[in-house]
C-alpha cells in the first residue's frame, strides 16, 4: 500500500449557512490523502497504473464548486466521487477548511476531516 497526498489546495467558494457566505463566499483549503497499491507503478513508471493526482485535483475543484451549507457535506461528496471514479483507491481522508470563518473571533480556520474506506 502507498499514499498520494494533495496538500493545501486553495479554492474560493460559497459554502456556509449565512447569507453573506452564500453571496460573497470564502477562501477554503483542502488536504487530501488516498491509499492505494503503488507497487506496480513504482516499477513500471507508467501513469496509467497509478492514481493520477490531476484527476484527484479536478474532483476537489468540481465538488468545491457545488454550494453546500456544511463542510461535512462537501467532504463526503469529494470522498464519494473518488471511490466512484477511481476503483483502485482503498481509503480516502479529506480535510476541508474554511479560512477566516465568520464566527465572531480571530480564528485562522475551521476544518472538517472525513476518513472513509472502501
C-alpha atoms as a PDB file:
ATOM      1  CA  UNK A   1       0.000   0.000   0.000  1.00  0.00           C
ATOM      2  CA  UNK A   2       1.039   3.563  -0.575  1.00  0.00           C
ATOM      3  CA  UNK A   3      -0.361   7.069  -0.204  1.00  0.00           C
ATOM      4  CA  UNK A   4      -0.853  10.022  -2.505  1.00  0.00           C
ATOM      5  CA  UNK A   5      -1.383  13.452  -0.928  1.00  0.00           C
ATOM      6  CA  UNK A   6      -2.620  16.751  -2.260  1.00  0.00           C
ATOM      7  CA  UNK A   7      -1.816  19.446   0.289  1.00  0.00           C
ATOM      8  CA  UNK A   8      -3.135  22.965   0.605  1.00  0.00           C
ATOM      9  CA  UNK A   9      -5.436  23.055  -2.438  1.00  0.00           C
ATOM     10  CA  UNK A  10      -6.744  26.625  -2.251  1.00  0.00           C
ATOM     11  CA  UNK A  11     -10.220  27.457  -3.556  1.00  0.00           C
ATOM     12  CA  UNK A  12     -12.713  30.305  -3.230  1.00  0.00           C
ATOM     13  CA  UNK A  13     -16.299  29.072  -2.880  1.00  0.00           C
ATOM     14  CA  UNK A  14     -19.710  29.898  -1.425  1.00  0.00           C
ATOM     15  CA  UNK A  15     -20.318  27.280   1.278  1.00  0.00           C
ATOM     16  CA  UNK A  16     -21.986  28.133   4.558  1.00  0.00           C
ATOM     17  CA  UNK A  17     -25.277  28.823   6.263  1.00  0.00           C
ATOM     18  CA  UNK A  18     -25.026  32.627   6.396  1.00  0.00           C
ATOM     19  CA  UNK A  19     -26.399  34.755   3.543  1.00  0.00           C
ATOM     20  CA  UNK A  20     -23.093  36.636   3.327  1.00  0.00           C
ATOM     21  CA  UNK A  21     -21.208  33.379   2.814  1.00  0.00           C
ATOM     22  CA  UNK A  22     -23.585  32.370   0.051  1.00  0.00           C
ATOM     23  CA  UNK A  23     -23.177  35.710  -1.738  1.00  0.00           C
ATOM     24  CA  UNK A  24     -19.534  36.713  -1.379  1.00  0.00           C
ATOM     25  CA  UNK A  25     -18.015  33.358  -0.452  1.00  0.00           C
ATOM     26  CA  UNK A  26     -14.912  32.483   1.493  1.00  0.00           C
ATOM     27  CA  UNK A  27     -11.471  31.035   0.954  1.00  0.00           C
ATOM     28  CA  UNK A  28     -11.007  27.318   1.595  1.00  0.00           C
ATOM     29  CA  UNK A  29      -8.147  24.868   1.874  1.00  0.00           C
ATOM     30  CA  UNK A  30      -8.480  21.178   1.023  1.00  0.00           C
ATOM     31  CA  UNK A  31      -5.986  18.471   2.006  1.00  0.00           C
ATOM     32  CA  UNK A  32      -6.486  15.015   0.549  1.00  0.00           C
ATOM     33  CA  UNK A  33      -4.756  11.702   1.202  1.00  0.00           C
ATOM     34  CA  UNK A  34      -5.640   8.469  -0.573  1.00  0.00           C
ATOM     35  CA  UNK A  35      -4.314   4.946  -0.032  1.00  0.00           C
ATOM     36  CA  UNK A  36      -3.726   2.642  -2.979  1.00  0.00           C
ATOM     37  CA  UNK A  37      -1.340  -0.047  -4.174  1.00  0.00           C
ATOM     38  CA  UNK A  38       1.690   1.762  -5.607  1.00  0.00           C
ATOM     39  CA  UNK A  39       3.888  -1.324  -6.087  1.00  0.00           C
ATOM     40  CA  UNK A  40       3.304  -1.713  -9.848  1.00  0.00           C
ATOM     41  CA  UNK A  41       3.621   1.956 -10.897  1.00  0.00           C
ATOM     42  CA  UNK A  42       6.745   2.318  -8.754  1.00  0.00           C
ATOM     43  CA  UNK A  43       8.345  -0.319 -11.003  1.00  0.00           C
ATOM     44  CA  UNK A  44       6.738   0.444 -14.375  1.00  0.00           C
ATOM     45  CA  UNK A  45       6.913   4.273 -14.270  1.00  0.00           C
ATOM     46  CA  UNK A  46       3.564   4.222 -16.107  1.00  0.00           C
ATOM     47  CA  UNK A  47       0.924   6.837 -15.258  1.00  0.00           C
ATOM     48  CA  UNK A  48      -1.910   4.538 -16.353  1.00  0.00           C
ATOM     49  CA  UNK A  49      -1.049   2.149 -13.484  1.00  0.00           C
ATOM     50  CA  UNK A  50      -1.416   4.684 -10.680  1.00  0.00           C
ATOM     51  CA  UNK A  51      -3.913   7.235  -9.387  1.00  0.00           C
ATOM     52  CA  UNK A  52      -3.497  10.451 -11.348  1.00  0.00           C
ATOM     53  CA  UNK A  53      -3.356  13.380  -8.922  1.00  0.00           C
ATOM     54  CA  UNK A  54      -4.656  15.673 -11.684  1.00  0.00           C
ATOM     55  CA  UNK A  55      -7.879  13.629 -11.581  1.00  0.00           C
ATOM     56  CA  UNK A  56      -7.989  13.978  -7.786  1.00  0.00           C
ATOM     57  CA  UNK A  57      -7.474  17.743  -8.016  1.00  0.00           C
ATOM     58  CA  UNK A  58     -10.260  18.050 -10.601  1.00  0.00           C
ATOM     59  CA  UNK A  59     -12.672  16.187  -8.308  1.00  0.00           C
ATOM     60  CA  UNK A  60     -11.796  18.560  -5.458  1.00  0.00           C
ATOM     61  CA  UNK A  61     -12.293  21.664  -7.617  1.00  0.00           C
ATOM     62  CA  UNK A  62     -15.591  20.447  -9.088  1.00  0.00           C
ATOM     63  CA  UNK A  63     -17.110  19.402  -5.746  1.00  0.00           C
ATOM     64  CA  UNK A  64     -15.941  22.587  -4.024  1.00  0.00           C
ATOM     65  CA  UNK A  65     -17.779  24.478  -6.783  1.00  0.00           C
ATOM     66  CA  UNK A  66     -21.117  22.949  -5.731  1.00  0.00           C
ATOM     67  CA  UNK A  67     -22.529  25.075  -2.889  1.00  0.00           C
ATOM     68  CA  UNK A  68     -23.335  23.374   0.411  1.00  0.00           C
ATOM     69  CA  UNK A  69     -24.323  24.563   3.861  1.00  0.00           C
ATOM     70  CA  UNK A  70     -21.874  22.264   5.661  1.00  0.00           C
ATOM     71  CA  UNK A  71     -18.213  21.383   5.123  1.00  0.00           C
ATOM     72  CA  UNK A  72     -19.109  17.831   6.146  1.00  0.00           C
ATOM     73  CA  UNK A  73     -21.319  17.531   3.070  1.00  0.00           C
ATOM     74  CA  UNK A  74     -18.594  18.794   0.731  1.00  0.00           C
ATOM     75  CA  UNK A  75     -16.014  16.404   2.227  1.00  0.00           C
ATOM     76  CA  UNK A  76     -18.376  13.440   1.761  1.00  0.00           C
ATOM     77  CA  UNK A  77     -19.075  14.355  -1.861  1.00  0.00           C
ATOM     78  CA  UNK A  78     -15.336  14.511  -2.578  1.00  0.00           C
ATOM     79  CA  UNK A  79     -14.785  11.134  -0.919  1.00  0.00           C
ATOM     80  CA  UNK A  80     -17.761   9.505  -2.652  1.00  0.00           C
ATOM     81  CA  UNK A  81     -16.660  10.692  -6.098  1.00  0.00           C
ATOM     82  CA  UNK A  82     -13.125   9.395  -5.609  1.00  0.00           C
ATOM     83  CA  UNK A  83     -14.446   5.949  -4.698  1.00  0.00           C
ATOM     84  CA  UNK A  84     -16.883   6.004  -7.625  1.00  0.00           C
ATOM     85  CA  UNK A  85     -14.416   7.160 -10.292  1.00  0.00           C
ATOM     86  CA  UNK A  86     -11.132   5.576  -9.147  1.00  0.00           C
ATOM     87  CA  UNK A  87     -11.617   1.909  -8.211  1.00  0.00           C
ATOM     88  CA  UNK A  88      -8.028   1.335  -7.079  1.00  0.00           C
ATOM     89  CA  UNK A  89      -8.407   3.811  -4.175  1.00  0.00           C
ATOM     90  CA  UNK A  90      -8.892   1.888  -0.922  1.00  0.00           C
ATOM     91  CA  UNK A  91      -9.021   4.744   1.602  1.00  0.00           C
ATOM     92  CA  UNK A  92      -9.699   8.478   1.480  1.00  0.00           C
ATOM     93  CA  UNK A  93      -9.008  11.142   4.081  1.00  0.00           C
ATOM     94  CA  UNK A  94     -10.169  14.624   3.139  1.00  0.00           C
ATOM     95  CA  UNK A  95      -9.899  17.815   5.179  1.00  0.00           C
ATOM     96  CA  UNK A  96     -11.923  20.858   4.154  1.00  0.00           C
ATOM     97  CA  UNK A  97     -11.028  24.063   5.994  1.00  0.00           C
ATOM     98  CA  UNK A  98     -12.699  27.463   5.877  1.00  0.00           C
ATOM     99  CA  UNK A  99     -10.112  30.235   6.189  1.00  0.00           C
ATOM    100  CA  UNK A 100     -11.008  33.185   8.465  1.00  0.00           C
ATOM    101  CA  UNK A 101     -14.510  31.918   9.256  1.00  0.00           C
ATOM    102  CA  UNK A 102     -17.154  34.459  10.303  1.00  0.00           C
ATOM    103  CA  UNK A 103     -17.621  33.113  13.840  1.00  0.00           C
ATOM    104  CA  UNK A 104     -17.071  36.248  15.889  1.00  0.00           C
ATOM    105  CA  UNK A 105     -13.415  35.836  16.765  1.00  0.00           C
ATOM    106  CA  UNK A 106      -9.871  35.828  15.472  1.00  0.00           C
ATOM    107  CA  UNK A 107      -9.816  32.256  14.143  1.00  0.00           C
ATOM    108  CA  UNK A 108      -7.419  31.235  11.384  1.00  0.00           C
ATOM    109  CA  UNK A 109      -9.621  28.394  10.116  1.00  0.00           C
ATOM    110  CA  UNK A 110     -12.177  25.758  10.969  1.00  0.00           C
ATOM    111  CA  UNK A 111     -11.943  22.318   9.404  1.00  0.00           C
ATOM    112  CA  UNK A 112     -13.756  19.051   8.969  1.00  0.00           C
ATOM    113  CA  UNK A 113     -11.805  15.814   8.459  1.00  0.00           C
ATOM    114  CA  UNK A 114     -13.575  12.814   6.966  1.00  0.00           C
ATOM    115  CA  UNK A 115     -11.940   9.395   6.588  1.00  0.00           C
ATOM    116  CA  UNK A 116     -13.577   6.545   4.646  1.00  0.00           C
ATOM    117  CA  UNK A 117     -12.529   3.088   3.475  1.00  0.00           C
ATOM    118  CA  UNK A 118     -13.784   1.043   0.586  1.00  0.00           C
END
